[in-house]
Amino acid sequence: MNVIENLLDTLAEECNEIGQRCSKANRFGPGEIQPGQPQTNAERIEGELNDLLGVIDLLNELGVLNFRPDPERIRAKRAKVVKFLDYSMACGALVDRDGLMPRLRALVERAAPCSG
């Protein structure tokens, strides 16, 4: 394995760690603090996102990637997420218990930029 391959493996690993943290937040709540840990699940997700960005930066600086956030693609993804949330609700698989769907729809309709 060379350095680039190792960095790509690290990139994949960070993505998996984000997935694991999201799963924990979904199961136990974003504000839950795992016994023996100082941070909430939400804070731990944020840490993993920063770890991912650190690896992306290295891959960008080495010329392996040329990643720059694409605002149009981000807007399109936001709209697609809301579309499929609506579809899940129509199928009966999702209930908007928190009442967040009107807010999400408004954010997408305004084409609000991504946070960050």
PDB file of N, CA and C in Angstrom:
ATOM      1  N   MET A   1       0.848  -1.173   0.000  1.00  0.00           N
ATOM      2  CA  MET A   1       0.000   0.000   0.000  1.00  0.00           C
ATOM      3  C   MET A   1       0.892   1.235   0.000  1.00  0.00           C
ATOM      4  N   ASN A   2       0.525   2.209  -0.820  1.00  0.00           N
ATOM      5  CA  ASN A   2       1.287   3.448  -0.817  1.00  0.00           C
ATOM      6  C   ASN A   2       0.537   4.515   0.003  1.00  0.00           C
ATOM      7  N   VAL A   3       1.100   5.698   0.076  1.00  0.00           N
ATOM      8  CA  VAL A   3       0.537   6.761   0.906  1.00  0.00           C
ATOM      9  C   VAL A   3      -0.857   7.162   0.421  1.00  0.00           C
ATOM     10  N   ILE A   4      -1.022   7.297  -0.876  1.00  0.00           N
ATOM     11  CA  ILE A   4      -2.324   7.693  -1.426  1.00  0.00           C
ATOM     12  C   ILE A   4      -3.369   6.640  -1.079  1.00  0.00           C
ATOM     13  N   GLU A   5      -3.026   5.377  -1.275  1.00  0.00           N
ATOM     14  CA  GLU A   5      -3.972   4.300  -0.935  1.00  0.00           C
ATOM     15  C   GLU A   5      -4.331   4.335   0.541  1.00  0.00           C
ATOM     16  N   ASN A   6      -3.353   4.600   1.388  1.00  0.00           N
ATOM     17  CA  ASN A   6      -3.603   4.683   2.818  1.00  0.00           C
ATOM     18  C   ASN A   6      -4.547   5.847   3.134  1.00  0.00           C
ATOM     19  N   LEU A   7      -4.311   6.991   2.488  1.00  0.00           N
ATOM     20  CA  LEU A   7      -5.185   8.141   2.715  1.00  0.00           C
ATOM     21  C   LEU A   7      -6.607   7.865   2.227  1.00  0.00           C
ATOM     22  N   LEU A   8      -6.740   7.162   1.110  1.00  0.00           N
ATOM     23  CA  LEU A   8      -8.071   6.810   0.622  1.00  0.00           C
ATOM     24  C   LEU A   8      -8.771   5.848   1.576  1.00  0.00           C
ATOM     25  N   ASP A   9      -8.018   4.916   2.129  1.00  0.00           N
ATOM     26  CA  ASP A   9      -8.594   4.031   3.155  1.00  0.00           C
ATOM     27  C   ASP A   9      -9.021   4.833   4.380  1.00  0.00           C
ATOM     28  N   THR A  10      -8.198   5.799   4.751  1.00  0.00           N
ATOM     29  CA  THR A  10      -8.529   6.650   5.900  1.00  0.00           C
ATOM     30  C   THR A  10      -9.783   7.464   5.611  1.00  0.00           C
ATOM     31  N   LEU A  11      -9.921   7.938   4.388  1.00  0.00           N
ATOM     32  CA  LEU A  11     -11.126   8.672   3.987  1.00  0.00           C
ATOM     33  C   LEU A  11     -12.365   7.788   4.158  1.00  0.00           C
ATOM     34  N   ALA A  12     -12.286   6.562   3.667  1.00  0.00           N
ATOM     35  CA  ALA A  12     -13.403   5.619   3.806  1.00  0.00           C
ATOM     36  C   ALA A  12     -13.690   5.326   5.277  1.00  0.00           C
ATOM     37  N   GLU A  13     -12.642   5.159   6.055  1.00  0.00           N
ATOM     38  CA  GLU A  13     -12.784   4.887   7.487  1.00  0.00           C
ATOM     39  C   GLU A  13     -13.514   6.035   8.179  1.00  0.00           C
ATOM     40  N   GLU A  14     -13.147   7.258   7.844  1.00  0.00           N
ATOM     41  CA  GLU A  14     -13.814   8.410   8.455  1.00  0.00           C
ATOM     42  C   GLU A  14     -15.294   8.452   8.079  1.00  0.00           C
ATOM     43  N   CYS A  15     -15.597   8.116   6.830  1.00  0.00           N
ATOM     44  CA  CYS A  15     -17.007   8.055   6.419  1.00  0.00           C
ATOM     45  C   CYS A  15     -17.768   7.020   7.248  1.00  0.00           C
ATOM     46  N   ASN A  16     -17.148   5.873   7.464  1.00  0.00           N
ATOM     47  CA  ASN A  16     -17.776   4.832   8.274  1.00  0.00           C
ATOM     48  C   ASN A  16     -17.966   5.280   9.718  1.00  0.00           C
ATOM     49  N   GLU A  17     -17.003   6.013  10.244  1.00  0.00           N
ATOM     50  CA  GLU A  17     -17.122   6.502  11.619  1.00  0.00           C
ATOM     51  C   GLU A  17     -18.251   7.522  11.737  1.00  0.00           C
ATOM     52  N   ILE A  18     -18.447   8.334  10.701  1.00  0.00           N
ATOM     53  CA  ILE A  18     -19.581   9.260  10.690  1.00  0.00           C
ATOM     54  C   ILE A  18     -20.879   8.462  10.719  1.00  0.00           C
ATOM     55  N   GLY A  19     -20.948   7.422   9.904  1.00  0.00           N
ATOM     56  CA  GLY A  19     -22.140   6.570   9.885  1.00  0.00           C
ATOM     57  C   GLY A  19     -22.422   5.941  11.235  1.00  0.00           C
ATOM     58  N   GLN A  20     -21.383   5.467  11.907  1.00  0.00           N
ATOM     59  CA  GLN A  20     -21.559   4.852  13.220  1.00  0.00           C
ATOM     60  C   GLN A  20     -22.080   5.871  14.230  1.00  0.00           C
ATOM     61  N   ARG A  21     -21.521   7.062  14.218  1.00  0.00           N
ATOM     62  CA  ARG A  21     -21.957   8.111  15.146  1.00  0.00           C
ATOM     63  C   ARG A  21     -23.403   8.518  14.873  1.00  0.00           C
ATOM     64  N   CYS A  22     -23.769   8.594  13.592  1.00  0.00           N
ATOM     65  CA  CYS A  22     -25.151   8.938  13.244  1.00  0.00           C
ATOM     66  C   CYS A  22     -26.104   7.853  13.740  1.00  0.00           C
ATOM     67  N   SER A  23     -25.694   6.605  13.601  1.00  0.00           N
ATOM     68  CA  SER A  23     -26.513   5.495  14.084  1.00  0.00           C
ATOM     69  C   SER A  23     -26.706   5.578  15.594  1.00  0.00           C
ATOM     70  N   LYS A  24     -25.638   5.890  16.315  1.00  0.00           N
ATOM     71  CA  LYS A  24     -25.740   6.028  17.785  1.00  0.00           C
ATOM     72  C   LYS A  24     -26.664   7.190  18.149  1.00  0.00           C
ATOM     73  N   ALA A  25     -26.539   8.308  17.421  1.00  0.00           N
ATOM     74  CA  ALA A  25     -27.403   9.458  17.702  1.00  0.00           C
ATOM     75  C   ALA A  25     -28.861   9.121  17.406  1.00  0.00           C
ATOM     76  N   ASN A  26     -29.084   8.336  16.376  1.00  0.00           N
ATOM     77  CA  ASN A  26     -30.442   7.935  16.038  1.00  0.00           C
ATOM     78  C   ASN A  26     -31.017   7.002  17.099  1.00  0.00           C
ATOM     79  N   ARG A  27     -30.207   6.097  17.600  1.00  0.00           N
ATOM     80  CA  ARG A  27     -30.677   5.122  18.586  1.00  0.00           C
ATOM     81  C   ARG A  27     -30.853   5.724  19.970  1.00  0.00           C
ATOM     82  N   PHE A  28     -29.938   6.592  20.370  1.00  0.00           N
ATOM     83  CA  PHE A  28     -29.923   7.072  21.750  1.00  0.00           C
ATOM     84  C   PHE A  28     -30.189   8.569  21.893  1.00  0.00           C
ATOM     85  N   GLY A  29     -30.243   9.285  20.764  1.00  0.00           N
ATOM     86  CA  GLY A  29     -30.496  10.719  20.784  1.00  0.00           C
ATOM     87  C   GLY A  29     -29.229  11.517  20.580  1.00  0.00           C
ATOM     88  N   PRO A  30     -29.334  12.657  19.884  1.00  0.00           N
ATOM     89  CA  PRO A  30     -28.161  13.491  19.623  1.00  0.00           C
ATOM     90  C   PRO A  30     -27.529  14.056  20.891  1.00  0.00           C
ATOM     91  N   GLY A  31     -28.330  14.274  21.915  1.00  0.00           N
ATOM     92  CA  GLY A  31     -27.810  14.865  23.144  1.00  0.00           C
ATOM     93  C   GLY A  31     -27.275  13.868  24.152  1.00  0.00           C
ATOM     94  N   GLU A  32     -27.422  12.578  23.867  1.00  0.00           N
ATOM     95  CA  GLU A  32     -26.956  11.545  24.802  1.00  0.00           C
ATOM     96  C   GLU A  32     -25.443  11.537  24.871  1.00  0.00           C
ATOM     97  N   ILE A  33     -24.940  11.328  26.056  1.00  0.00           N
ATOM     98  CA  ILE A  33     -23.495  11.188  26.272  1.00  0.00           C
ATOM     99  C   ILE A  33     -23.241   9.742  26.678  1.00  0.00           C
ATOM    100  N   GLN A  34     -22.495   9.043  25.856  1.00  0.00           N
ATOM    101  CA  GLN A  34     -22.167   7.652  26.127  1.00  0.00           C
ATOM    102  C   GLN A  34     -21.354   7.570  27.412  1.00  0.00           C
ATOM    103  N   PRO A  35     -21.660   6.613  28.279  1.00  0.00           N
ATOM    104  CA  PRO A  35     -20.878   6.484  29.518  1.00  0.00           C
ATOM    105  C   PRO A  35     -19.379   6.431  29.229  1.00  0.00           C
ATOM    106  N   GLY A  36     -18.634   7.245  29.955  1.00  0.00           N
ATOM    107  CA  GLY A  36     -17.189   7.299  29.797  1.00  0.00           C
ATOM    108  C   GLY A  36     -16.735   8.272  28.719  1.00  0.00           C
ATOM    109  N   GLN A  37     -17.668   8.932  28.056  1.00  0.00           N
ATOM    110  CA  GLN A  37     -17.319   9.886  27.008  1.00  0.00           C
ATOM    111  C   GLN A  37     -17.690  11.299  27.464  1.00  0.00           C
ATOM    112  N   PRO A  38     -16.924  12.300  27.094  1.00  0.00           N
ATOM    113  CA  PRO A  38     -17.228  13.668  27.520  1.00  0.00           C
ATOM    114  C   PRO A  38     -18.187  14.416  26.599  1.00  0.00           C
ATOM    115  N   GLN A  39     -18.420  13.893  25.388  1.00  0.00           N
ATOM    116  CA  GLN A  39     -19.192  14.643  24.395  1.00  0.00           C
ATOM    117  C   GLN A  39     -20.518  13.967  24.077  1.00  0.00           C
ATOM    118  N   THR A  40     -21.479  14.798  23.640  1.00  0.00           N
ATOM    119  CA  THR A  40     -22.757  14.271  23.170  1.00  0.00           C
ATOM    120  C   THR A  40     -22.546  13.577  21.819  1.00  0.00           C
ATOM    121  N   ASN A  41     -23.543  12.812  21.419  1.00  0.00           N
ATOM    122  CA  ASN A  41     -23.468  12.182  20.103  1.00  0.00           C
ATOM    123  C   ASN A  41     -23.361  13.232  18.997  1.00  0.00           C
ATOM    124  N   ALA A  42     -24.082  14.343  19.130  1.00  0.00           N
ATOM    125  CA  ALA A  42     -24.000  15.409  18.122  1.00  0.00           C
ATOM    126  C   ALA A  42     -22.581  15.972  18.048  1.00  0.00           C
ATOM    127  N   GLU A  43     -21.965  16.212  19.191  1.00  0.00           N
ATOM    128  CA  GLU A  43     -20.593  16.732  19.209  1.00  0.00           C
ATOM    129  C   GLU A  43     -19.616  15.727  18.612  1.00  0.00           C
ATOM    130  N   ARG A  44     -19.873  14.457  18.859  1.00  0.00           N
ATOM    131  CA  ARG A  44     -18.985  13.428  18.299  1.00  0.00           C
ATOM    132  C   ARG A  44     -19.146  13.331  16.782  1.00  0.00           C
ATOM    133  N   ILE A  45     -20.370  13.527  16.271  1.00  0.00           N
ATOM    134  CA  ILE A  45     -20.573  13.582  14.821  1.00  0.00           C
ATOM    135  C   ILE A  45     -19.781  14.750  14.245  1.00  0.00           C
ATOM    136  N   GLU A  46     -19.871  15.900  14.884  1.00  0.00           N
ATOM    137  CA  GLU A  46     -19.137  17.083  14.419  1.00  0.00           C
ATOM    138  C   GLU A  46     -17.637  16.820  14.391  1.00  0.00           C
ATOM    139  N   GLY A  47     -17.135  16.133  15.393  1.00  0.00           N
ATOM    140  CA  GLY A  47     -15.711  15.787  15.418  1.00  0.00           C
ATOM    141  C   GLY A  47     -15.334  14.881  14.262  1.00  0.00           C
ATOM    142  N   GLU A  48     -16.178  13.894  13.991  1.00  0.00           N
ATOM    143  CA  GLU A  48     -15.896  12.983  12.871  1.00  0.00           C
ATOM    144  C   GLU A  48     -15.970  13.710  11.534  1.00  0.00           C
ATOM    145  N   LEU A  49     -16.898  14.661  11.404  1.00  0.00           N
ATOM    146  CA  LEU A  49     -16.967  15.449  10.171  1.00  0.00           C
ATOM    147  C   LEU A  49     -15.689  16.253   9.976  1.00  0.00           C
ATOM    148  N   ASN A  50     -15.162  16.811  11.051  1.00  0.00           N
ATOM    149  CA  ASN A  50     -13.892  17.540  10.959  1.00  0.00           C
ATOM    150  C   ASN A  50     -12.740  16.608  10.596  1.00  0.00           C
ATOM    151  N   ASP A  51     -12.747  15.394  11.145  1.00  0.00           N
ATOM    152  CA  ASP A  51     -11.721  14.413  10.778  1.00  0.00           C
ATOM    153  C   ASP A  51     -11.788  14.116   9.279  1.00  0.00           C
ATOM    154  N   LEU A  52     -13.003  13.935   8.763  1.00  0.00           N
ATOM    155  CA  LEU A  52     -13.179  13.688   7.333  1.00  0.00           C
ATOM    156  C   LEU A  52     -12.627  14.847   6.507  1.00  0.00           C
ATOM    157  N   LEU A  53     -12.957  16.065   6.907  1.00  0.00           N
ATOM    158  CA  LEU A  53     -12.470  17.234   6.177  1.00  0.00           C
ATOM    159  C   LEU A  53     -10.945  17.329   6.219  1.00  0.00           C
ATOM    160  N   GLY A  54     -10.343  16.904   7.318  1.00  0.00           N
ATOM    161  CA  GLY A  54      -8.883  16.899   7.403  1.00  0.00           C
ATOM    162  C   GLY A  54      -8.257  15.973   6.378  1.00  0.00           C
ATOM    163  N   VAL A  55      -8.843  14.799   6.193  1.00  0.00           N
ATOM    164  CA  VAL A  55      -8.323  13.858   5.202  1.00  0.00           C
ATOM    165  C   VAL A  55      -8.573  14.395   3.791  1.00  0.00           C
ATOM    166  N   ILE A  56      -9.747  14.983   3.571  1.00  0.00           N
ATOM    167  CA  ILE A  56     -10.034  15.586   2.262  1.00  0.00           C
ATOM    168  C   ILE A  56      -9.013  16.671   1.953  1.00  0.00           C
ATOM    169  N   ASP A  57      -8.692  17.500   2.932  1.00  0.00           N
ATOM    170  CA  ASP A  57      -7.686  18.552   2.729  1.00  0.00           C
ATOM    171  C   ASP A  57      -6.346  17.968   2.283  1.00  0.00           C
ATOM    172  N   LEU A  58      -5.921  16.898   2.944  1.00  0.00           N
ATOM    173  CA  LEU A  58      -4.650  16.276   2.557  1.00  0.00           C
ATOM    174  C   LEU A  58      -4.699  15.749   1.126  1.00  0.00           C
ATOM    175  N   LEU A  59      -5.797  15.083   0.783  1.00  0.00           N
ATOM    176  CA  LEU A  59      -5.933  14.553  -0.572  1.00  0.00           C
ATOM    177  C   LEU A  59      -6.010  15.678  -1.601  1.00  0.00           C
ATOM    178  N   ASN A  60      -6.655  16.783  -1.244  1.00  0.00           N
ATOM    179  CA  ASN A  60      -6.671  17.956  -2.132  1.00  0.00           C
ATOM    180  C   ASN A  60      -5.261  18.510  -2.315  1.00  0.00           C
ATOM    181  N   GLU A  61      -4.537  18.674  -1.220  1.00  0.00           N
ATOM    182  CA  GLU A  61      -3.205  19.283  -1.275  1.00  0.00           C
ATOM    183  C   GLU A  61      -2.205  18.412  -2.037  1.00  0.00           C
ATOM    184  N   LEU A  62      -2.436  17.111  -2.025  1.00  0.00           N
ATOM    185  CA  LEU A  62      -1.561  16.215  -2.795  1.00  0.00           C
ATOM    186  C   LEU A  62      -1.994  16.098  -4.249  1.00  0.00           C
ATOM    187  N   GLY A  63      -3.104  16.716  -4.598  1.00  0.00           N
ATOM    188  CA  GLY A  63      -3.579  16.677  -5.976  1.00  0.00           C
ATOM    189  C   GLY A  63      -4.367  15.436  -6.339  1.00  0.00           C
ATOM    190  N   VAL A  64      -4.683  14.613  -5.358  1.00  0.00           N
ATOM    191  CA  VAL A  64      -5.483  13.417  -5.614  1.00  0.00           C
ATOM    192  C   VAL A  64      -6.936  13.816  -5.850  1.00  0.00           C
ATOM    193  N   LEU A  65      -7.417  14.727  -5.049  1.00  0.00           N
ATOM    194  CA  LEU A  65      -8.766  15.280  -5.196  1.00  0.00           C
ATOM    195  C   LEU A  65      -8.655  16.768  -5.482  1.00  0.00           C
ATOM    196  N   ASN A  66      -9.728  17.291  -6.005  1.00  0.00           N
ATOM    197  CA  ASN A  66      -9.869  18.730  -6.162  1.00  0.00           C
ATOM    198  C   ASN A  66     -11.257  19.098  -5.658  1.00  0.00           C
ATOM    199  N   PHE A  67     -11.524  18.684  -4.415  1.00  0.00           N
ATOM    200  CA  PHE A  67     -12.861  18.858  -3.857  1.00  0.00           C
ATOM    201  C   PHE A  67     -13.101  20.297  -3.445  1.00  0.00           C
ATOM    202  N   ARG A  68     -14.200  20.826  -3.938  1.00  0.00           N
ATOM    203  CA  ARG A  68     -14.722  22.113  -3.505  1.00  0.00           C
ATOM    204  C   ARG A  68     -16.226  21.929  -3.388  1.00  0.00           C
ATOM    205  N   PRO A  69     -16.836  22.384  -2.321  1.00  0.00           N
ATOM    206  CA  PRO A  69     -18.294  22.261  -2.229  1.00  0.00           C
ATOM    207  C   PRO A  69     -18.966  22.897  -3.456  1.00  0.00           C
ATOM    208  N   ASP A  70     -19.941  22.212  -4.016  1.00  0.00           N
ATOM    209  CA  ASP A  70     -20.667  22.660  -5.193  1.00  0.00           C
ATOM    210  C   ASP A  70     -22.064  23.111  -4.735  1.00  0.00           C
ATOM    211  N   PRO A  71     -22.276  24.420  -4.611  1.00  0.00           N
ATOM    212  CA  PRO A  71     -23.549  24.918  -4.082  1.00  0.00           C
ATOM    213  C   PRO A  71     -24.776  24.406  -4.841  1.00  0.00           C
ATOM    214  N   GLU A  72     -24.682  24.285  -6.150  1.00  0.00           N
ATOM    215  CA  GLU A  72     -25.838  23.804  -6.920  1.00  0.00           C
ATOM    216  C   GLU A  72     -26.131  22.341  -6.608  1.00  0.00           C
ATOM    217  N   ARG A  73     -25.085  21.553  -6.510  1.00  0.00           N
ATOM    218  CA  ARG A  73     -25.284  20.136  -6.181  1.00  0.00           C
ATOM    219  C   ARG A  73     -25.825  19.980  -4.756  1.00  0.00           C
ATOM    220  N   ILE A  74     -25.368  20.828  -3.861  1.00  0.00           N
ATOM    221  CA  ILE A  74     -25.863  20.805  -2.480  1.00  0.00           C
ATOM    222  C   ILE A  74     -27.348  21.164  -2.461  1.00  0.00           C
ATOM    223  N   ARG A  75     -27.732  22.211  -3.200  1.00  0.00           N
ATOM    224  CA  ARG A  75     -29.147  22.598  -3.266  1.00  0.00           C
ATOM    225  C   ARG A  75     -30.000  21.455  -3.829  1.00  0.00           C
ATOM    226  N   ALA A  76     -29.488  20.814  -4.882  1.00  0.00           N
ATOM    227  CA  ALA A  76     -30.225  19.705  -5.491  1.00  0.00           C
ATOM    228  C   ALA A  76     -30.396  18.549  -4.502  1.00  0.00           C
ATOM    229  N   LYS A  77     -29.373  18.263  -3.741  1.00  0.00           N
ATOM    230  CA  LYS A  77     -29.454  17.171  -2.760  1.00  0.00           C
ATOM    231  C   LYS A  77     -30.453  17.507  -1.671  1.00  0.00           C
ATOM    232  N   ARG A  78     -30.442  18.754  -1.210  1.00  0.00           N
ATOM    233  CA  ARG A  78     -31.396  19.176  -0.189  1.00  0.00           C
ATOM    234  C   ARG A  78     -32.829  18.969  -0.680  1.00  0.00           C
ATOM    235  N   ALA A  79     -33.094  19.354  -1.929  1.00  0.00           N
ATOM    236  CA  ALA A  79     -34.435  19.186  -2.491  1.00  0.00           C
ATOM    237  C   ALA A  79     -34.800  17.705  -2.607  1.00  0.00           C
ATOM    238  N   LYS A  80     -33.833  16.893  -3.009  1.00  0.00           N
ATOM    239  CA  LYS A  80     -34.079  15.457  -3.156  1.00  0.00           C
ATOM    240  C   LYS A  80     -34.368  14.808  -1.805  1.00  0.00           C
ATOM    241  N   VAL A  81     -33.651  15.227  -0.775  1.00  0.00           N
ATOM    242  CA  VAL A  81     -33.891  14.681   0.569  1.00  0.00           C
ATOM    243  C   VAL A  81     -35.317  14.981   1.009  1.00  0.00           C
ATOM    244  N   VAL A  82     -35.755  16.225   0.814  1.00  0.00           N
ATOM    245  CA  VAL A  82     -37.121  16.602   1.209  1.00  0.00           C
ATOM    246  C   VAL A  82     -38.144  15.830   0.375  1.00  0.00           C
ATOM    247  N   LYS A  83     -37.877  15.672  -0.925  1.00  0.00           N
ATOM    248  CA  LYS A  83     -38.785  14.907  -1.792  1.00  0.00           C
ATOM    249  C   LYS A  83     -38.976  13.490  -1.247  1.00  0.00           C
ATOM    250  N   PHE A  84     -37.884  12.844  -0.851  1.00  0.00           N
ATOM    251  CA  PHE A  84     -37.997  11.472  -0.371  1.00  0.00           C
ATOM    252  C   PHE A  84     -38.512  11.390   1.067  1.00  0.00           C
ATOM    253  N   LEU A  85     -38.322  12.438   1.856  1.00  0.00           N
ATOM    254  CA  LEU A  85     -38.989  12.484   3.160  1.00  0.00           C
ATOM    255  C   LEU A  85     -40.502  12.530   2.953  1.00  0.00           C
ATOM    256  N   ASP A  86     -40.949  13.370   2.018  1.00  0.00           N
ATOM    257  CA  ASP A  86     -42.377  13.439   1.696  1.00  0.00           C
ATOM    258  C   ASP A  86     -42.887  12.087   1.204  1.00  0.00           C
ATOM    259  N   TYR A  87     -42.112  11.428   0.352  1.00  0.00           N
ATOM    260  CA  TYR A  87     -42.504  10.122  -0.160  1.00  0.00           C
ATOM    261  C   TYR A  87     -42.601   9.102   0.984  1.00  0.00           C
ATOM    262  N   SER A  88     -41.644   9.117   1.893  1.00  0.00           N
ATOM    263  CA  SER A  88     -41.679   8.208   3.040  1.00  0.00           C
ATOM    264  C   SER A  88     -42.919   8.446   3.884  1.00  0.00           C
ATOM    265  N   MET A  89     -43.285   9.731   4.046  1.00  0.00           N
ATOM    266  CA  MET A  89     -44.500  10.045   4.805  1.00  0.00           C
ATOM    267  C   MET A  89     -45.734   9.522   4.064  1.00  0.00           C
ATOM    268  N   ALA A  90     -45.773   9.692   2.740  1.00  0.00           N
ATOM    269  CA  ALA A  90     -46.903   9.213   1.948  1.00  0.00           C
ATOM    270  C   ALA A  90     -47.029   7.690   2.026  1.00  0.00           C
ATOM    271  N   CYS A  91     -45.907   6.999   2.145  1.00  0.00           N
ATOM    272  CA  CYS A  91     -45.902   5.538   2.265  1.00  0.00           C
ATOM    273  C   CYS A  91     -46.243   5.069   3.676  1.00  0.00           C
ATOM    274  N   GLY A  92     -46.281   6.001   4.620  1.00  0.00           N
ATOM    275  CA  GLY A  92     -46.565   5.642   6.007  1.00  0.00           C
ATOM    276  C   GLY A  92     -45.354   5.174   6.782  1.00  0.00           C
ATOM    277  N   ALA A  93     -44.171   5.326   6.204  1.00  0.00           N
ATOM    278  CA  ALA A  93     -42.950   4.868   6.870  1.00  0.00           C
ATOM    279  C   ALA A  93     -42.322   5.945   7.739  1.00  0.00           C
ATOM    280  N   LEU A  94     -42.794   7.183   7.617  1.00  0.00           N
ATOM    281  CA  LEU A  94     -42.228   8.302   8.365  1.00  0.00           C
ATOM    282  C   LEU A  94     -43.360   9.152   8.916  1.00  0.00           C
ATOM    283  N   VAL A  95     -43.214   9.551  10.163  1.00  0.00           N
ATOM    284  CA  VAL A  95     -44.177  10.445  10.796  1.00  0.00           C
ATOM    285  C   VAL A  95     -43.414  11.685  11.242  1.00  0.00           C
ATOM    286  N   ASP A  96     -43.931  12.853  10.897  1.00  0.00           N
ATOM    287  CA  ASP A  96     -43.277  14.119  11.266  1.00  0.00           C
ATOM    288  C   ASP A  96     -43.689  14.506  12.678  1.00  0.00           C
ATOM    289  N   ARG A  97     -43.239  13.739  13.655  1.00  0.00           N
ATOM    290  CA  ARG A  97     -43.596  13.984  15.064  1.00  0.00           C
ATOM    291  C   ARG A  97     -43.075  15.321  15.573  1.00  0.00           C
ATOM    292  N   ASP A  98     -41.958  15.762  15.028  1.00  0.00           N
ATOM    293  CA  ASP A  98     -41.345  17.003  15.487  1.00  0.00           C
ATOM    294  C   ASP A  98     -41.880  18.230  14.749  1.00  0.00           C
ATOM    295  N   GLY A  99     -42.674  18.007  13.713  1.00  0.00           N
ATOM    296  CA  GLY A  99     -43.219  19.114  12.939  1.00  0.00           C
ATOM    297  C   GLY A  99     -42.176  19.879  12.151  1.00  0.00           C
ATOM    298  N   LEU A 100     -41.113  19.216  11.730  1.00  0.00           N
ATOM    299  CA  LEU A 100     -40.019  19.882  11.028  1.00  0.00           C
ATOM    300  C   LEU A 100     -40.207  19.963   9.511  1.00  0.00           C
ATOM    301  N   MET A 101     -41.128  19.188   8.959  1.00  0.00           N
ATOM    302  CA  MET A 101     -41.253  19.160   7.505  1.00  0.00           C
ATOM    303  C   MET A 101     -41.618  20.519   6.895  1.00  0.00           C
ATOM    304  N   PRO A 102     -42.543  21.284   7.465  1.00  0.00           N
ATOM    305  CA  PRO A 102     -42.815  22.603   6.869  1.00  0.00           C
ATOM    306  C   PRO A 102     -41.560  23.489   6.840  1.00  0.00           C
ATOM    307  N   ARG A 103     -40.774  23.419   7.888  1.00  0.00           N
ATOM    308  CA  ARG A 103     -39.535  24.205   7.936  1.00  0.00           C
ATOM    309  C   ARG A 103     -38.547  23.736   6.877  1.00  0.00           C
ATOM    310  N   LEU A 104     -38.403  22.412   6.740  1.00  0.00           N
ATOM    311  CA  LEU A 104     -37.493  21.877   5.724  1.00  0.00           C
ATOM    312  C   LEU A 104     -37.943  22.271   4.323  1.00  0.00           C
ATOM    313  N   ARG A 105     -39.253  22.156   4.068  1.00  0.00           N
ATOM    314  CA  ARG A 105     -39.768  22.542   2.746  1.00  0.00           C
ATOM    315  C   ARG A 105     -39.483  24.007   2.462  1.00  0.00           C
ATOM    316  N   ALA A 106     -39.691  24.867   3.459  1.00  0.00           N
ATOM    317  CA  ALA A 106     -39.434  26.304   3.287  1.00  0.00           C
ATOM    318  C   ALA A 106     -37.957  26.566   3.016  1.00  0.00           C
ATOM    319  N   LEU A 107     -37.081  25.858   3.697  1.00  0.00           N
ATOM    320  CA  LEU A 107     -35.641  26.034   3.470  1.00  0.00           C
ATOM    321  C   LEU A 107     -35.271  25.675   2.036  1.00  0.00           C
ATOM    322  N   VAL A 108     -35.831  24.599   1.535  1.00  0.00           N
ATOM    323  CA  VAL A 108     -35.531  24.154   0.177  1.00  0.00           C
ATOM    324  C   VAL A 108     -36.144  25.109  -0.845  1.00  0.00           C
ATOM    325  N   GLU A 109     -37.373  25.545  -0.592  1.00  0.00           N
ATOM    326  CA  GLU A 109     -38.037  26.477  -1.527  1.00  0.00           C
ATOM    327  C   GLU A 109     -37.294  27.801  -1.621  1.00  0.00           C
ATOM    328  N   ARG A 110     -36.721  28.234  -0.529  1.00  0.00           N
ATOM    329  CA  ARG A 110     -35.926  29.484  -0.532  1.00  0.00           C
ATOM    330  C   ARG A 110     -34.554  29.266  -1.134  1.00  0.00           C
ATOM    331  N   ALA A 111     -34.217  27.993  -1.397  1.00  0.00           N
ATOM    332  CA  ALA A 111     -32.889  27.633  -1.912  1.00  0.00           C
ATOM    333  C   ALA A 111     -31.805  28.174  -0.992  1.00  0.00           C
ATOM    334  N   ALA A 112     -32.033  27.997   0.304  1.00  0.00           N
ATOM    335  CA  ALA A 112     -31.068  28.449   1.293  1.00  0.00           C
ATOM    336  C   ALA A 112     -29.742  27.737   1.068  1.00  0.00           C
ATOM    337  N   PRO A 113     -28.632  28.443   1.187  1.00  0.00           N
ATOM    338  CA  PRO A 113     -27.322  27.798   1.028  1.00  0.00           C
ATOM    339  C   PRO A 113     -27.072  26.816   2.159  1.00  0.00           C
ATOM    340  N   CYS A 114     -26.198  25.878   1.895  1.00  0.00           N
ATOM    341  CA  CYS A 114     -25.862  24.920   2.939  1.00  0.00           C
ATOM    342  C   CYS A 114     -25.167  25.648   4.071  1.00  0.00           C
ATOM    343  N   SER A 115     -25.326  25.116   5.264  1.00  0.00           N
ATOM    344  CA  SER A 115     -24.604  25.706   6.396  1.00  0.00           C
ATOM    345  C   SER A 115     -23.194  25.183   6.367  1.00  0.00           C
ATOM    346  N   GLY A 116     -22.244  26.049   6.576  1.00  0.00           N
ATOM    347  CA  GLY A 116     -20.860  25.618   6.604  1.00  0.00           C
ATOM    348  C   GLY A 116     -20.136  26.108   5.494  1.00  0.00           C
TER     349      GLY A 116
END
